[in-house]
Amino acid sequence: MSIDAAKTPQPKNPLHGITLKTILEELVVEYGWPEMARRIRINCFAKDPSVNSSLTFLRKTAWARNKVENLYLATLRRKKRSGEVK
């Protein structure tokens, strides 16, 4: 991706401008580590979880990051339907 492409506004992309750390922290607040481990079966959520160790794993593992991003998007949709988020 070029630098110009990274700066292009993406109004239809709900993940644009949100860091993986922010996504992870919001999901932990929403669900907690035990529920995260139940929903996404990866050890960094189940055994001695922390944001830093999870970020290290997710940055290296595309399939796991994709699952986390999909859970975040599903959570946003649910909140929007229920009126929690505008």
Protein backbone atom coordinates (compact mmCIF):
# COMPACT_ATOMS: atom_id res chain seq x y z
CA MET A 1 0.00 0.00 0.00
CA SER A 2 1.34 3.40 -0.88
CA ILE A 3 1.49 6.27 1.57
CA ASP A 4 -1.16 8.11 -0.45
CA ALA A 5 -3.51 5.12 -0.22
CA ALA A 6 -3.13 5.07 3.57
CA LYS A 7 -4.18 8.72 3.76
CA THR A 8 -7.24 8.30 1.54
CA PRO A 9 -10.48 8.84 3.48
CA GLN A 10 -12.51 5.65 3.85
CA PRO A 11 -15.91 6.75 5.14
CA LYS A 12 -17.49 3.30 4.58
CA ASN A 13 -14.74 1.40 6.43
CA PRO A 14 -15.58 1.23 10.17
CA LEU A 15 -12.05 0.00 10.96
CA HIS A 16 -10.32 2.92 9.28
CA GLY A 17 -8.30 4.93 11.79
CA ILE A 18 -8.84 2.49 14.66
CA THR A 19 -5.75 0.74 15.99
CA LEU A 20 -5.67 -2.94 16.82
CA LYS A 21 -4.90 -1.99 20.41
CA THR A 22 -8.07 0.11 20.62
CA ILE A 23 -10.14 -2.70 19.11
CA LEU A 24 -8.73 -5.22 21.57
CA GLU A 25 -9.18 -2.94 24.59
CA GLU A 26 -12.80 -2.21 23.67
CA LEU A 27 -13.56 -5.91 23.20
CA VAL A 28 -12.01 -6.76 26.57
CA VAL A 29 -14.17 -4.10 28.25
CA GLU A 30 -17.25 -5.38 26.41
CA TYR A 31 -16.74 -9.13 26.91
CA GLY A 32 -13.83 -9.77 29.29
CA TRP A 33 -11.00 -12.23 28.66
CA PRO A 34 -12.97 -15.44 29.45
CA GLU A 35 -15.70 -14.60 26.93
CA MET A 36 -13.13 -13.49 24.36
CA ALA A 37 -11.39 -16.87 24.77
CA ARG A 38 -14.71 -18.64 24.33
CA ARG A 39 -15.62 -16.69 21.19
CA ILE A 40 -12.15 -16.76 19.61
CA ARG A 41 -10.21 -19.87 20.58
CA ILE A 42 -6.64 -18.64 20.88
CA ASN A 43 -4.34 -19.22 23.84
CA CYS A 44 -3.35 -15.59 24.30
CA PHE A 45 -6.96 -14.92 25.40
CA ALA A 46 -7.26 -18.02 27.59
CA LYS A 47 -3.94 -18.37 29.41
CA ASP A 48 -2.56 -15.41 31.35
CA PRO A 49 -4.09 -12.87 28.93
CA SER A 50 -2.82 -9.35 28.49
CA VAL A 51 -3.26 -6.68 25.86
CA ASN A 52 0.46 -6.64 25.02
CA SER A 53 0.85 -10.40 24.57
CA SER A 54 -2.35 -10.54 22.53
CA LEU A 55 -1.21 -7.68 20.30
CA THR A 56 2.09 -9.45 19.64
CA PHE A 57 0.26 -12.59 18.54
CA LEU A 58 -2.45 -10.81 16.53
CA ARG A 59 0.08 -8.71 14.61
CA LYS A 60 1.85 -11.89 13.48
CA THR A 61 -1.23 -14.02 12.81
CA ALA A 62 -3.56 -12.73 10.11
CA TRP A 63 -6.36 -15.27 10.66
CA ALA A 64 -6.58 -14.42 14.37
CA ARG A 65 -6.53 -10.68 13.72
CA ASN A 66 -9.31 -11.17 11.18
CA LYS A 67 -11.44 -12.97 13.78
CA VAL A 68 -10.88 -10.16 16.30
CA GLU A 69 -11.77 -7.50 13.72
CA ASN A 70 -14.91 -9.45 12.73
CA LEU A 71 -15.99 -9.71 16.38
CA TYR A 72 -15.43 -5.97 16.77
CA LEU A 73 -17.52 -5.23 13.66
CA ALA A 74 -20.30 -7.55 14.86
CA THR A 75 -20.24 -5.80 18.23
CA LEU A 76 -20.52 -2.39 16.54
CA ARG A 77 -23.48 -3.60 14.45
CA ARG A 78 -25.21 -5.01 17.55
CA LYS A 79 -24.69 -1.77 19.46
CA LYS A 80 -25.90 0.31 16.54
CA ARG A 81 -29.09 -1.79 16.25
CA SER A 82 -29.75 -1.46 19.98
CA GLY A 83 -29.11 2.28 19.91
CA GLU A 84 -25.98 2.18 22.09
CA VAL A 85 -23.86 3.74 19.30
CA LYS A 86 -24.90 6.26 16.70
